[in-house]
Amino acid sequence: MTPPARRAEAWKRLVNGLPDGFYAQAATEIDLSDAPKFADAIINNQVQGRTLVKIK
């Protein structure tokens, strides 16, 4: 397992090294109520990138 200090450094590099719009471009944010619909799409390879589910 990677030591915590090395993990923290890797996350810091990701946050500081990528353009500001990267995460907005690489992820889709959905409401919890939309999760079942997106689950079907993910299983059927119809979704690319990350899907972030808002729970509040």
C-alpha atoms as a PDB file:
ATOM      1  CA  MET A   1       0.000   0.000   0.000  1.00  0.00           C
ATOM      2  CA  THR A   2       1.245   3.483  -0.839  1.00  0.00           C
ATOM      3  CA  PRO A   3       2.342   5.522   2.186  1.00  0.00           C
ATOM      4  CA  PRO A   4      -0.061   8.356   3.170  1.00  0.00           C
ATOM      5  CA  ALA A   5       2.516  11.093   2.545  1.00  0.00           C
ATOM      6  CA  ARG A   6       3.081   9.883  -1.001  1.00  0.00           C
ATOM      7  CA  ARG A   7      -0.686   9.700  -1.630  1.00  0.00           C
ATOM      8  CA  ALA A   8      -1.141  13.251  -0.346  1.00  0.00           C
ATOM      9  CA  GLU A   9       1.600  14.471  -2.667  1.00  0.00           C
ATOM     10  CA  ALA A  10       0.004  12.714  -5.644  1.00  0.00           C
ATOM     11  CA  TRP A  11      -3.388  14.326  -4.927  1.00  0.00           C
ATOM     12  CA  LYS A  12      -1.743  17.726  -4.506  1.00  0.00           C
ATOM     13  CA  ARG A  13      -0.063  17.337  -7.902  1.00  0.00           C
ATOM     14  CA  LEU A  14      -3.383  16.390  -9.509  1.00  0.00           C
ATOM     15  CA  VAL A  15      -5.148  19.409  -8.026  1.00  0.00           C
ATOM     16  CA  ASN A  16      -2.401  21.873  -8.960  1.00  0.00           C
ATOM     17  CA  GLY A  17      -1.259  20.329 -12.234  1.00  0.00           C
ATOM     18  CA  LEU A  18      -4.497  20.032 -14.176  1.00  0.00           C
ATOM     19  CA  PRO A  19      -6.371  22.895 -15.847  1.00  0.00           C
ATOM     20  CA  ASP A  20      -9.283  24.400 -13.901  1.00  0.00           C
ATOM     21  CA  GLY A  21     -11.905  23.050 -16.300  1.00  0.00           C
ATOM     22  CA  PHE A  22     -10.568  19.493 -16.325  1.00  0.00           C
ATOM     23  CA  TYR A  23     -12.924  18.056 -13.712  1.00  0.00           C
ATOM     24  CA  ALA A  24     -15.975  19.790 -15.168  1.00  0.00           C
ATOM     25  CA  GLN A  25     -15.096  18.274 -18.541  1.00  0.00           C
ATOM     26  CA  ALA A  26     -14.203  14.811 -17.201  1.00  0.00           C
ATOM     27  CA  ALA A  27     -17.198  14.277 -14.903  1.00  0.00           C
ATOM     28  CA  THR A  28     -20.972  14.430 -15.022  1.00  0.00           C
ATOM     29  CA  GLU A  29     -22.776  15.471 -11.841  1.00  0.00           C
ATOM     30  CA  ILE A  30     -26.206  13.934 -11.262  1.00  0.00           C
ATOM     31  CA  ASP A  31     -28.861  13.950  -8.534  1.00  0.00           C
ATOM     32  CA  LEU A  32     -29.433  10.818  -6.488  1.00  0.00           C
ATOM     33  CA  SER A  33     -32.863  10.466  -8.105  1.00  0.00           C
ATOM     34  CA  ASP A  34     -31.137  10.097 -11.513  1.00  0.00           C
ATOM     35  CA  ALA A  35     -28.789   7.328 -10.329  1.00  0.00           C
ATOM     36  CA  PRO A  36     -30.914   4.352 -11.494  1.00  0.00           C
ATOM     37  CA  LYS A  37     -31.151   5.765 -15.024  1.00  0.00           C
ATOM     38  CA  PHE A  38     -27.404   6.438 -15.134  1.00  0.00           C
ATOM     39  CA  ALA A  39     -26.649   2.992 -13.689  1.00  0.00           C
ATOM     40  CA  ASP A  40     -28.323   1.386 -16.698  1.00  0.00           C
ATOM     41  CA  ALA A  41     -26.374   3.645 -19.056  1.00  0.00           C
ATOM     42  CA  ILE A  42     -23.083   2.864 -17.289  1.00  0.00           C
ATOM     43  CA  ILE A  43     -23.718  -0.894 -17.442  1.00  0.00           C
ATOM     44  CA  ASN A  44     -24.453  -0.587 -21.174  1.00  0.00           C
ATOM     45  CA  ASN A  45     -21.241   1.406 -21.860  1.00  0.00           C
ATOM     46  CA  GLN A  46     -23.178   4.540 -22.785  1.00  0.00           C
ATOM     47  CA  VAL A  47     -21.411   6.833 -20.305  1.00  0.00           C
ATOM     48  CA  GLN A  48     -17.826   8.046 -20.511  1.00  0.00           C
ATOM     49  CA  GLY A  49     -15.801   9.569 -17.710  1.00  0.00           C
ATOM     50  CA  ARG A  50     -16.784   9.885 -14.083  1.00  0.00           C
ATOM     51  CA  THR A  51     -20.297  10.263 -12.721  1.00  0.00           C
ATOM     52  CA  LEU A  52     -20.591  12.157  -9.439  1.00  0.00           C
ATOM     53  CA  VAL A  53     -23.805  11.563  -7.515  1.00  0.00           C
ATOM     54  CA  LYS A  54     -25.008  14.479  -5.366  1.00  0.00           C
ATOM     55  CA  ILE A  55     -26.630  13.106  -2.233  1.00  0.00           C
ATOM     56  CA  LYS A  56     -27.788  16.412  -0.706  1.00  0.00           C
END
